[in-house]
């Protein structure tokens, strides 16, 4: 059954990532905005689920598999982030490549920090 939970969550996360990409396809190409947004949203969901479960007396592996492994795994995308950063560098856009790396790392860390990890 665990495989089904991960499969369902991953499918929903992947479709959401695709939807974000479609919604932002006409944005200026200076930064890969869809990937940044998908990564930040995945970190917000991941941190929120972790904080929620820390405050509960029960932990359900099925919800964690659906939301963390499945949904967040399908939504966030390190491979696309890396590819798009390399494409920016190949195009000579070193500043945007650096901004992309810094923005993904900083914003994702801040999601975890502000959602509750600063209170631990």
Protein backbone atom coordinates (compact mmCIF):
# COMPACT_ATOMS: atom_id res chain seq x y z
CA UNK A 1 0.00 0.00 0.00
CA UNK A 2 2.91 2.37 0.66
CA UNK A 3 3.80 2.28 -3.02
CA UNK A 4 0.29 3.45 -3.87
CA UNK A 5 0.55 6.37 -1.40
CA UNK A 6 3.84 7.55 -2.90
CA UNK A 7 2.47 7.04 -6.43
CA UNK A 8 -0.65 9.13 -5.77
CA UNK A 9 1.21 11.92 -3.99
CA UNK A 10 3.96 11.97 -6.62
CA UNK A 11 1.44 12.16 -9.43
CA UNK A 12 -0.37 15.08 -7.83
CA UNK A 13 2.92 16.88 -7.15
CA UNK A 14 4.14 16.35 -10.71
CA UNK A 15 0.88 17.63 -12.18
CA UNK A 16 1.10 20.70 -9.91
CA UNK A 17 4.67 21.35 -11.09
CA UNK A 18 3.53 21.06 -14.71
CA UNK A 19 0.63 23.44 -13.98
CA UNK A 20 3.00 26.00 -12.46
CA UNK A 21 5.20 25.75 -15.56
CA UNK A 22 2.20 26.27 -17.86
CA UNK A 23 0.98 29.21 -15.82
CA UNK A 24 4.35 30.94 -16.00
CA UNK A 25 5.39 30.03 -19.54
CA UNK A 26 5.03 33.64 -20.76
CA UNK A 27 7.20 35.11 -17.99
CA UNK A 28 10.52 36.71 -18.91
CA UNK A 29 13.27 34.11 -19.13
CA UNK A 30 15.70 35.91 -16.81
CA UNK A 31 15.15 33.28 -14.11
CA UNK A 32 13.49 29.87 -14.15
CA UNK A 33 10.55 31.12 -12.09
CA UNK A 34 8.41 27.99 -12.29
CA UNK A 35 11.13 25.79 -10.81
CA UNK A 36 11.85 28.31 -8.07
CA UNK A 37 8.16 28.52 -7.16
CA UNK A 38 7.73 24.74 -7.25
CA UNK A 39 10.75 24.24 -4.99
CA UNK A 40 9.60 26.90 -2.51
CA UNK A 41 6.03 25.56 -2.38
CA UNK A 42 7.36 22.03 -1.83
CA UNK A 43 9.50 23.29 1.06
CA UNK A 44 6.53 25.14 2.58
CA UNK A 45 4.39 21.98 2.41
CA UNK A 46 7.22 19.78 3.71
CA UNK A 47 8.02 22.08 6.64
CA UNK A 48 4.34 22.53 7.46
CA UNK A 49 3.74 18.77 7.56
CA UNK A 50 6.81 18.19 9.75
CA UNK A 51 5.78 20.93 12.19
CA UNK A 52 2.19 19.68 12.23
CA UNK A 53 3.27 16.12 13.04
CA UNK A 54 5.67 17.31 15.75
CA UNK A 55 2.68 18.87 17.53
CA UNK A 56 0.43 15.82 17.22
CA UNK A 57 0.27 12.74 19.42
CA UNK A 58 -0.02 10.48 16.36
CA UNK A 59 1.98 10.05 13.24
CA UNK A 60 0.54 8.42 10.19
CA UNK A 61 3.07 7.01 7.79
CA UNK A 62 0.50 7.04 4.99
CA UNK A 63 0.08 10.83 5.18
CA UNK A 64 3.82 11.33 5.32
CA UNK A 65 4.31 9.07 2.30
CA UNK A 66 1.61 10.89 0.33
CA UNK A 67 2.65 14.42 1.26
CA UNK A 68 6.41 14.31 1.86
CA UNK A 69 7.78 11.53 -0.29
CA UNK A 70 5.10 11.67 -2.99
CA UNK A 71 3.74 15.20 -3.35
CA UNK A 72 6.86 17.15 -2.34
CA UNK A 73 9.08 14.74 -4.28
CA UNK A 74 6.95 15.16 -7.39
CA UNK A 75 6.66 18.93 -7.02
CA UNK A 76 10.22 19.90 -6.19
CA UNK A 77 12.86 19.33 -8.78
CA UNK A 78 16.57 19.47 -8.12
CA UNK A 79 17.40 18.05 -11.52
CA UNK A 80 15.47 20.75 -13.36
CA UNK A 81 16.96 23.43 -11.09
CA UNK A 82 20.46 22.16 -11.91
CA UNK A 83 19.75 21.92 -15.65
CA UNK A 84 18.26 25.41 -15.85
CA UNK A 85 21.18 26.87 -13.90
CA UNK A 86 23.63 25.22 -16.31
CA UNK A 87 21.65 26.56 -19.27
CA UNK A 88 21.90 30.08 -17.82
CA UNK A 89 25.66 29.62 -17.46
CA UNK A 90 26.00 28.27 -21.02
CA UNK A 91 24.16 31.36 -22.25
CA UNK A 92 26.66 33.56 -20.40
CA UNK A 93 24.07 34.68 -17.84
CA UNK A 94 26.34 34.08 -14.86
CA UNK A 95 24.62 36.68 -12.73
CA UNK A 96 21.21 35.09 -13.24
CA UNK A 97 22.67 31.63 -12.64
CA UNK A 98 24.09 32.84 -9.33
CA UNK A 99 20.82 34.52 -8.41
CA UNK A 100 18.95 31.32 -9.27
CA UNK A 101 21.19 29.20 -7.02
CA UNK A 102 21.06 31.71 -4.16
CA UNK A 103 17.30 32.23 -4.44
CA UNK A 104 16.49 28.50 -4.46
CA UNK A 105 18.72 27.73 -1.50
CA UNK A 106 17.93 30.80 0.58
CA UNK A 107 14.18 30.80 0.03
CA UNK A 108 13.86 27.08 0.68
CA UNK A 109 15.88 27.32 3.90
CA UNK A 110 13.81 30.31 5.00
CA UNK A 111 10.61 28.33 4.45
CA UNK A 112 11.75 25.76 6.98
CA UNK A 113 13.04 28.42 9.37
CA UNK A 114 9.93 30.59 9.46
CA UNK A 115 7.39 27.76 9.46
CA UNK A 116 8.61 26.54 12.77
CA UNK A 117 12.11 25.18 12.80
CA UNK A 118 13.36 28.34 14.53
CA UNK A 119 11.25 27.39 17.58
CA UNK A 120 12.84 23.97 18.13
